[in-house]
Amino acid sequence: MFASYSFSEANYGQNTLAGGLPAGIEDRQHAARIGLERRFGKNVTAKLQYGYDSYAEPGSGSVNNFIAHSVFGTITCRWP
């Protein structure tokens, strides 16, 4: 079994209200993974993984925001 979590935040926004256009970017991203890995003999490994990703960018008016779910399955065979 395995699990991971990562978080990223950027705050490069600038107060340019007098100029009329916002500059810079502010965002927040979360990513979580959980899965199982099993070895079948010494040459075959199988892995099943679920992922959750969330991204928020308030400066874009929420146009670039997203939530994503993913499922990955892999089989690795080692040739002797």
PDB file of N, CA and C in Angstrom:
ATOM      1  N   MET A   1       0.835  -1.167   0.000  1.00  0.00           N
ATOM      2  CA  MET A   1       0.000   0.000   0.000  1.00  0.00           C
ATOM      3  C   MET A   1       0.891   1.246   0.000  1.00  0.00           C
ATOM      4  N   PHE A   2       0.435   2.299  -0.643  1.00  0.00           N
ATOM      5  CA  PHE A   2       1.177   3.557  -0.626  1.00  0.00           C
ATOM      6  C   PHE A   2       0.209   4.724  -0.700  1.00  0.00           C
ATOM      7  N   ALA A   3       0.657   5.873  -0.222  1.00  0.00           N
ATOM      8  CA  ALA A   3      -0.152   7.091  -0.263  1.00  0.00           C
ATOM      9  C   ALA A   3       0.788   8.291  -0.325  1.00  0.00           C
ATOM     10  N   SER A   4       0.312   9.358  -0.964  1.00  0.00           N
ATOM     11  CA  SER A   4       1.100  10.597  -1.005  1.00  0.00           C
ATOM     12  C   SER A   4       0.161  11.791  -1.107  1.00  0.00           C
ATOM     13  N   TYR A   5       0.652  12.932  -0.672  1.00  0.00           N
ATOM     14  CA  TYR A   5      -0.104  14.175  -0.736  1.00  0.00           C
ATOM     15  C   TYR A   5       0.880  15.303  -1.010  1.00  0.00           C
ATOM     16  N   SER A   6       0.505  16.216  -1.885  1.00  0.00           N
ATOM     17  CA  SER A   6       1.340  17.396  -2.120  1.00  0.00           C
ATOM     18  C   SER A   6       0.453  18.634  -2.200  1.00  0.00           C
ATOM     19  N   PHE A   7       1.028  19.758  -1.796  1.00  0.00           N
ATOM     20  CA  PHE A   7       0.317  21.030  -1.771  1.00  0.00           C
ATOM     21  C   PHE A   7       1.243  22.095  -2.350  1.00  0.00           C
ATOM     22  N   SER A   8       0.676  22.958  -3.156  1.00  0.00           N
ATOM     23  CA  SER A   8       1.444  24.051  -3.742  1.00  0.00           C
ATOM     24  C   SER A   8       0.609  25.326  -3.684  1.00  0.00           C
ATOM     25  N   GLU A   9       1.262  26.411  -3.318  1.00  0.00           N
ATOM     26  CA  GLU A   9       0.572  27.700  -3.277  1.00  0.00           C
ATOM     27  C   GLU A   9       1.505  28.768  -3.830  1.00  0.00           C
ATOM     28  N   ALA A  10       0.994  29.604  -4.707  1.00  0.00           N
ATOM     29  CA  ALA A  10       1.756  30.711  -5.273  1.00  0.00           C
ATOM     30  C   ALA A  10       1.003  32.007  -4.996  1.00  0.00           C
ATOM     31  N   ASN A  11       1.725  33.017  -4.588  1.00  0.00           N
ATOM     32  CA  ASN A  11       1.106  34.302  -4.300  1.00  0.00           C
ATOM     33  C   ASN A  11       1.957  35.401  -4.930  1.00  0.00           C
ATOM     34  N   TYR A  12       1.852  35.508  -6.245  1.00  0.00           N
ATOM     35  CA  TYR A  12       2.591  36.522  -6.985  1.00  0.00           C
ATOM     36  C   TYR A  12       1.688  37.673  -7.411  1.00  0.00           C
ATOM     37  N   GLY A  13       0.499  37.739  -6.830  1.00  0.00           N
ATOM     38  CA  GLY A  13      -0.453  38.792  -7.180  1.00  0.00           C
ATOM     39  C   GLY A  13       0.065  40.163  -6.756  1.00  0.00           C
ATOM     40  N   GLN A  14      -0.300  41.171  -7.512  1.00  0.00           N
ATOM     41  CA  GLN A  14       0.106  42.538  -7.221  1.00  0.00           C
ATOM     42  C   GLN A  14      -1.125  43.426  -7.219  1.00  0.00           C
ATOM     43  N   ASN A  15      -1.148  44.366  -6.337  1.00  0.00           N
ATOM     44  CA  ASN A  15      -2.264  45.301  -6.274  1.00  0.00           C
ATOM     45  C   ASN A  15      -2.033  46.395  -7.311  1.00  0.00           C
ATOM     46  N   THR A  16      -2.694  46.286  -8.434  1.00  0.00           N
ATOM     47  CA  THR A  16      -2.551  47.270  -9.515  1.00  0.00           C
ATOM     48  C   THR A  16      -3.900  47.880  -9.850  1.00  0.00           C
ATOM     49  N   LEU A  17      -4.701  48.106  -8.824  1.00  0.00           N
ATOM     50  CA  LEU A  17      -6.040  48.642  -9.038  1.00  0.00           C
ATOM     51  C   LEU A  17      -5.995  49.993  -9.754  1.00  0.00           C
ATOM     52  N   ALA A  18      -5.002  50.819  -9.456  1.00  0.00           N
ATOM     53  CA  ALA A  18      -4.886  52.126 -10.111  1.00  0.00           C
ATOM     54  C   ALA A  18      -4.612  51.970 -11.605  1.00  0.00           C
ATOM     55  N   GLY A  19      -3.875  50.925 -11.985  1.00  0.00           N
ATOM     56  CA  GLY A  19      -3.566  50.694 -13.396  1.00  0.00           C
ATOM     57  C   GLY A  19      -4.716  50.055 -14.162  1.00  0.00           C
ATOM     58  N   GLY A  20      -5.645  49.453 -13.453  1.00  0.00           N
ATOM     59  CA  GLY A  20      -6.819  48.885 -14.109  1.00  0.00           C
ATOM     60  C   GLY A  20      -6.742  47.396 -14.384  1.00  0.00           C
ATOM     61  N   LEU A  21      -5.534  46.844 -14.530  1.00  0.00           N
ATOM     62  CA  LEU A  21      -5.402  45.421 -14.824  1.00  0.00           C
ATOM     63  C   LEU A  21      -4.647  44.715 -13.703  1.00  0.00           C
ATOM     64  N   PRO A  22      -5.149  43.564 -13.268  1.00  0.00           N
ATOM     65  CA  PRO A  22      -4.407  42.826 -12.249  1.00  0.00           C
ATOM     66  C   PRO A  22      -3.152  42.197 -12.851  1.00  0.00           C
ATOM     67  N   ALA A  23      -2.111  42.131 -12.071  1.00  0.00           N
ATOM     68  CA  ALA A  23      -0.863  41.514 -12.531  1.00  0.00           C
ATOM     69  C   ALA A  23      -0.494  40.389 -11.577  1.00  0.00           C
ATOM     70  N   GLY A  24       0.258  39.432 -12.073  1.00  0.00           N
ATOM     71  CA  GLY A  24       0.687  38.319 -11.244  1.00  0.00           C
ATOM     72  C   GLY A  24      -0.359  37.225 -11.178  1.00  0.00           C
ATOM     73  N   ILE A  25      -0.068  36.224 -10.357  1.00  0.00           N
ATOM     74  CA  ILE A  25      -0.971  35.084 -10.255  1.00  0.00           C
ATOM     75  C   ILE A  25      -1.012  34.612  -8.803  1.00  0.00           C
ATOM     76  N   GLU A  26      -2.156  34.138  -8.395  1.00  0.00           N
ATOM     77  CA  GLU A  26      -2.343  33.492  -7.103  1.00  0.00           C
ATOM     78  C   GLU A  26      -3.036  32.165  -7.380  1.00  0.00           C
ATOM     79  N   ASP A  27      -2.485  31.084  -6.853  1.00  0.00           N
ATOM     80  CA  ASP A  27      -3.139  29.793  -7.054  1.00  0.00           C
ATOM     81  C   ASP A  27      -2.847  28.863  -5.893  1.00  0.00           C
ATOM     82  N   ARG A  28      -3.637  27.796  -5.830  1.00  0.00           N
ATOM     83  CA  ARG A  28      -3.509  26.771  -4.803  1.00  0.00           C
ATOM     84  C   ARG A  28      -3.807  25.422  -5.445  1.00  0.00           C
ATOM     85  N   GLN A  29      -2.932  24.456  -5.218  1.00  0.00           N
ATOM     86  CA  GLN A  29      -3.103  23.137  -5.821  1.00  0.00           C
ATOM     87  C   GLN A  29      -2.882  22.046  -4.773  1.00  0.00           C
ATOM     88  N   HIS A  30      -3.803  21.064  -4.772  1.00  0.00           N
ATOM     89  CA  HIS A  30      -3.715  19.893  -3.900  1.00  0.00           C
ATOM     90  C   HIS A  30      -3.671  18.656  -4.793  1.00  0.00           C
ATOM     91  N   ALA A  31      -2.867  17.675  -4.409  1.00  0.00           N
ATOM     92  CA  ALA A  31      -2.819  16.407  -5.142  1.00  0.00           C
ATOM     93  C   ALA A  31      -2.655  15.272  -4.130  1.00  0.00           C
ATOM     94  N   ALA A  32      -3.504  14.258  -4.238  1.00  0.00           N
ATOM     95  CA  ALA A  32      -3.430  13.104  -3.338  1.00  0.00           C
ATOM     96  C   ALA A  32      -3.449  11.828  -4.170  1.00  0.00           C
ATOM     97  N   ARG A  33      -2.660  10.850  -3.761  1.00  0.00           N
ATOM     98  CA  ARG A  33      -2.594   9.548  -4.434  1.00  0.00           C
ATOM     99  C   ARG A  33      -2.668   8.452  -3.381  1.00  0.00           C
ATOM    100  N   ILE A  34      -3.339   7.366  -3.732  1.00  0.00           N
ATOM    101  CA  ILE A  34      -3.394   6.189  -2.875  1.00  0.00           C
ATOM    102  C   ILE A  34      -3.452   4.970  -3.782  1.00  0.00           C
ATOM    103  N   GLY A  35      -2.825   3.890  -3.367  1.00  0.00           N
ATOM    104  CA  GLY A  35      -2.840   2.726  -4.239  1.00  0.00           C
ATOM    105  C   GLY A  35      -2.283   1.482  -3.588  1.00  0.00           C
ATOM    106  N   LEU A  36      -2.337   0.428  -4.367  1.00  0.00           N
ATOM    107  CA  LEU A  36      -1.837  -0.880  -3.967  1.00  0.00           C
ATOM    108  C   LEU A  36      -0.834  -1.361  -5.001  1.00  0.00           C
ATOM    109  N   GLU A  37       0.190  -2.047  -4.522  1.00  0.00           N
ATOM    110  CA  GLU A  37       1.172  -2.638  -5.419  1.00  0.00           C
ATOM    111  C   GLU A  37       1.422  -4.064  -4.953  1.00  0.00           C
ATOM    112  N   ARG A  38       1.471  -4.990  -5.913  1.00  0.00           N
ATOM    113  CA  ARG A  38       1.655  -6.398  -5.568  1.00  0.00           C
ATOM    114  C   ARG A  38       2.632  -7.042  -6.538  1.00  0.00           C
ATOM    115  N   ARG A  39       3.510  -7.835  -6.007  1.00  0.00           N
ATOM    116  CA  ARG A  39       4.474  -8.566  -6.823  1.00  0.00           C
ATOM    117  C   ARG A  39       3.981  -9.997  -6.998  1.00  0.00           C
ATOM    118  N   PHE A  40       3.985 -10.467  -8.234  1.00  0.00           N
ATOM    119  CA  PHE A  40       3.617 -11.839  -8.581  1.00  0.00           C
ATOM    120  C   PHE A  40       4.881 -12.536  -9.063  1.00  0.00           C
ATOM    121  N   GLY A  41       5.486 -13.304  -8.209  1.00  0.00           N
ATOM    122  CA  GLY A  41       6.768 -13.905  -8.564  1.00  0.00           C
ATOM    123  C   GLY A  41       7.854 -12.850  -8.527  1.00  0.00           C
ATOM    124  N   LYS A  42       9.010 -13.139  -9.133  1.00  0.00           N
ATOM    125  CA  LYS A  42      10.097 -12.153  -9.095  1.00  0.00           C
ATOM    126  C   LYS A  42      10.146 -11.271 -10.338  1.00  0.00           C
ATOM    127  N   ASN A  43       9.303 -11.525 -11.350  1.00  0.00           N
ATOM    128  CA  ASN A  43       9.382 -10.761 -12.597  1.00  0.00           C
ATOM    129  C   ASN A  43       8.144  -9.932 -12.938  1.00  0.00           C
ATOM    130  N   VAL A  44       7.050 -10.077 -12.199  1.00  0.00           N
ATOM    131  CA  VAL A  44       5.812  -9.371 -12.546  1.00  0.00           C
ATOM    132  C   VAL A  44       5.321  -8.571 -11.336  1.00  0.00           C
ATOM    133  N   THR A  45       5.013  -7.284 -11.584  1.00  0.00           N
ATOM    134  CA  THR A  45       4.478  -6.399 -10.552  1.00  0.00           C
ATOM    135  C   THR A  45       3.239  -5.710 -11.118  1.00  0.00           C
ATOM    136  N   ALA A  46       2.174  -5.623 -10.301  1.00  0.00           N
ATOM    137  CA  ALA A  46       0.943  -4.930 -10.703  1.00  0.00           C
ATOM    138  C   ALA A  46       0.675  -3.797  -9.721  1.00  0.00           C
ATOM    139  N   LYS A  47       0.165  -2.686 -10.242  1.00  0.00           N
ATOM    140  CA  LYS A  47      -0.117  -1.524  -9.401  1.00  0.00           C
ATOM    141  C   LYS A  47      -1.464  -0.927  -9.801  1.00  0.00           C
ATOM    142  N   LEU A  48      -2.272  -0.574  -8.808  1.00  0.00           N
ATOM    143  CA  LEU A  48      -3.543   0.115  -9.021  1.00  0.00           C
ATOM    144  C   LEU A  48      -3.501   1.384  -8.180  1.00  0.00           C
ATOM    145  N   GLN A  49      -3.768   2.537  -8.810  1.00  0.00           N
ATOM    146  CA  GLN A  49      -3.605   3.825  -8.143  1.00  0.00           C
ATOM    147  C   GLN A  49      -4.787   4.731  -8.427  1.00  0.00           C
ATOM    148  N   TYR A  50      -5.256   5.448  -7.392  1.00  0.00           N
ATOM    149  CA  TYR A  50      -6.301   6.461  -7.527  1.00  0.00           C
ATOM    150  C   TYR A  50      -5.688   7.813  -7.211  1.00  0.00           C
ATOM    151  N   GLY A  51      -6.046   8.834  -7.989  1.00  0.00           N
ATOM    152  CA  GLY A  51      -5.526  10.175  -7.757  1.00  0.00           C
ATOM    153  C   GLY A  51      -6.635  11.215  -7.712  1.00  0.00           C
ATOM    154  N   TYR A  52      -6.440  12.216  -6.883  1.00  0.00           N
ATOM    155  CA  TYR A  52      -7.366  13.349  -6.763  1.00  0.00           C
ATOM    156  C   TYR A  52      -6.543  14.623  -6.879  1.00  0.00           C
ATOM    157  N   ASP A  53      -6.946  15.512  -7.772  1.00  0.00           N
ATOM    158  CA  ASP A  53      -6.263  16.785  -7.962  1.00  0.00           C
ATOM    159  C   ASP A  53      -7.273  17.928  -7.911  1.00  0.00           C
ATOM    160  N   SER A  54      -6.878  19.008  -7.256  1.00  0.00           N
ATOM    161  CA  SER A  54      -7.725  20.189  -7.149  1.00  0.00           C
ATOM    162  C   SER A  54      -6.860  21.419  -7.400  1.00  0.00           C
ATOM    163  N   TYR A  55      -7.333  22.324  -8.244  1.00  0.00           N
ATOM    164  CA  TYR A  55      -6.592  23.538  -8.574  1.00  0.00           C
ATOM    165  C   TYR A  55      -7.548  24.724  -8.489  1.00  0.00           C
ATOM    166  N   ALA A  56      -7.129  25.784  -7.823  1.00  0.00           N
ATOM    167  CA  ALA A  56      -7.949  26.996  -7.706  1.00  0.00           C
ATOM    168  C   ALA A  56      -7.087  28.212  -8.003  1.00  0.00           C
ATOM    169  N   GLU A  57      -7.598  29.063  -8.888  1.00  0.00           N
ATOM    170  CA  GLU A  57      -6.916  30.303  -9.267  1.00  0.00           C
ATOM    171  C   GLU A  57      -7.923  31.444  -9.166  1.00  0.00           C
ATOM    172  N   PRO A  58      -8.026  32.083  -8.002  1.00  0.00           N
ATOM    173  CA  PRO A  58      -9.056  33.104  -7.793  1.00  0.00           C
ATOM    174  C   PRO A  58      -8.973  34.281  -8.771  1.00  0.00           C
ATOM    175  N   GLY A  59      -7.785  34.643  -9.212  1.00  0.00           N
ATOM    176  CA  GLY A  59      -7.628  35.788 -10.108  1.00  0.00           C
ATOM    177  C   GLY A  59      -8.221  35.589 -11.490  1.00  0.00           C
ATOM    178  N   SER A  60      -8.490  34.342 -11.861  1.00  0.00           N
ATOM    179  CA  SER A  60      -9.056  34.081 -13.191  1.00  0.00           C
ATOM    180  C   SER A  60     -10.575  34.094 -13.167  1.00  0.00           C
ATOM    181  N   GLY A  61     -11.173  34.470 -12.042  1.00  0.00           N
ATOM    182  CA  GLY A  61     -12.631  34.423 -11.947  1.00  0.00           C
ATOM    183  C   GLY A  61     -13.130  32.996 -11.912  1.00  0.00           C
ATOM    184  N   SER A  62     -12.317  32.072 -11.438  1.00  0.00           N
ATOM    185  CA  SER A  62     -12.624  30.636 -11.325  1.00  0.00           C
ATOM    186  C   SER A  62     -12.726  29.924 -12.661  1.00  0.00           C
ATOM    187  N   VAL A  63     -12.323  30.569 -13.753  1.00  0.00           N
ATOM    188  CA  VAL A  63     -12.375  29.933 -15.074  1.00  0.00           C
ATOM    189  C   VAL A  63     -11.369  28.791 -15.177  1.00  0.00           C
ATOM    190  N   ASN A  64     -10.202  28.943 -14.555  1.00  0.00           N
ATOM    191  CA  ASN A  64      -9.153  27.923 -14.651  1.00  0.00           C
ATOM    192  C   ASN A  64      -9.215  26.875 -13.542  1.00  0.00           C
ATOM    193  N   ASN A  65     -10.185  26.974 -12.637  1.00  0.00           N
ATOM    194  CA  ASN A  65     -10.295  26.012 -11.540  1.00  0.00           C
ATOM    195  C   ASN A  65     -10.709  24.645 -12.066  1.00  0.00           C
ATOM    196  N   PHE A  66     -10.217  23.583 -11.412  1.00  0.00           N
ATOM    197  CA  PHE A  66     -10.659  22.244 -11.793  1.00  0.00           C
ATOM    198  C   PHE A  66     -10.476  21.263 -10.651  1.00  0.00           C
ATOM    199  N   ILE A  67     -11.226  20.189 -10.718  1.00  0.00           N
ATOM    200  CA  ILE A  67     -11.070  19.023  -9.857  1.00  0.00           C
ATOM    201  C   ILE A  67     -10.993  17.828 -10.788  1.00  0.00           C
ATOM    202  N   ALA A  68     -10.006  16.968 -10.571  1.00  0.00           N
ATOM    203  CA  ALA A  68      -9.807  15.809 -11.449  1.00  0.00           C
ATOM    204  C   ALA A  68      -9.639  14.546 -10.609  1.00  0.00           C
ATOM    205  N   HIS A  69     -10.223  13.466 -11.090  1.00  0.00           N
ATOM    206  CA  HIS A  69     -10.064  12.139 -10.495  1.00  0.00           C
ATOM    207  C   HIS A  69      -9.390  11.254 -11.549  1.00  0.00           C
ATOM    208  N   SER A  70      -8.482  10.399 -11.121  1.00  0.00           N
ATOM    209  CA  SER A  70      -7.809   9.525 -12.077  1.00  0.00           C
ATOM    210  C   SER A  70      -7.613   8.143 -11.462  1.00  0.00           C
ATOM    211  N   VAL A  71      -7.624   7.147 -12.331  1.00  0.00           N
ATOM    212  CA  VAL A  71      -7.352   5.766 -11.933  1.00  0.00           C
ATOM    213  C   VAL A  71      -6.324   5.214 -12.911  1.00  0.00           C
ATOM    214  N   PHE A  72      -5.242   4.669 -12.371  1.00  0.00           N
ATOM    215  CA  PHE A  72      -4.191   4.088 -13.198  1.00  0.00           C
ATOM    216  C   PHE A  72      -3.972   2.639 -12.786  1.00  0.00           C
ATOM    217  N   GLY A  73      -3.843   1.785 -13.761  1.00  0.00           N
ATOM    218  CA  GLY A  73      -3.480   0.410 -13.518  1.00  0.00           C
ATOM    219  C   GLY A  73      -2.288   0.072 -14.388  1.00  0.00           C
ATOM    220  N   THR A  74      -1.250  -0.525 -13.798  1.00  0.00           N
ATOM    221  CA  THR A  74      -0.059  -0.890 -14.570  1.00  0.00           C
ATOM    222  C   THR A  74       0.387  -2.296 -14.209  1.00  0.00           C
ATOM    223  N   ILE A  75       0.945  -2.947 -15.198  1.00  0.00           N
ATOM    224  CA  ILE A  75       1.574  -4.251 -15.007  1.00  0.00           C
ATOM    225  C   ILE A  75       2.977  -4.143 -15.584  1.00  0.00           C
ATOM    226  N   THR A  76       3.961  -4.500 -14.776  1.00  0.00           N
ATOM    227  CA  THR A  76       5.359  -4.438 -15.193  1.00  0.00           C
ATOM    228  C   THR A  76       5.920  -5.841 -15.230  1.00  0.00           C
ATOM    229  N   CYS A  77       6.483  -6.190 -16.382  1.00  0.00           N
ATOM    230  CA  CYS A  77       7.108  -7.512 -16.554  1.00  0.00           C
ATOM    231  C   CYS A  77       8.598  -7.322 -16.793  1.00  0.00           C
ATOM    232  N   ARG A  78       9.411  -7.981 -15.997  1.00  0.00           N
ATOM    233  CA  ARG A  78      10.862  -7.930 -16.180  1.00  0.00           C
ATOM    234  C   ARG A  78      11.303  -9.166 -16.935  1.00  0.00           C
ATOM    235  N   TRP A  79      12.011  -8.948 -18.032  1.00  0.00           N
ATOM    236  CA  TRP A  79      12.494 -10.077 -18.828  1.00  0.00           C
ATOM    237  C   TRP A  79      13.851 -10.492 -18.300  1.00  0.00           C
ATOM    238  N   PRO A  80      14.010 -11.775 -18.024  1.00  0.00           N
ATOM    239  CA  PRO A  80      15.300 -12.250 -17.483  1.00  0.00           C
ATOM    240  C   PRO A  80      16.431 -12.164 -18.487  1.00  0.00           C
TER     241      PRO A  80
END
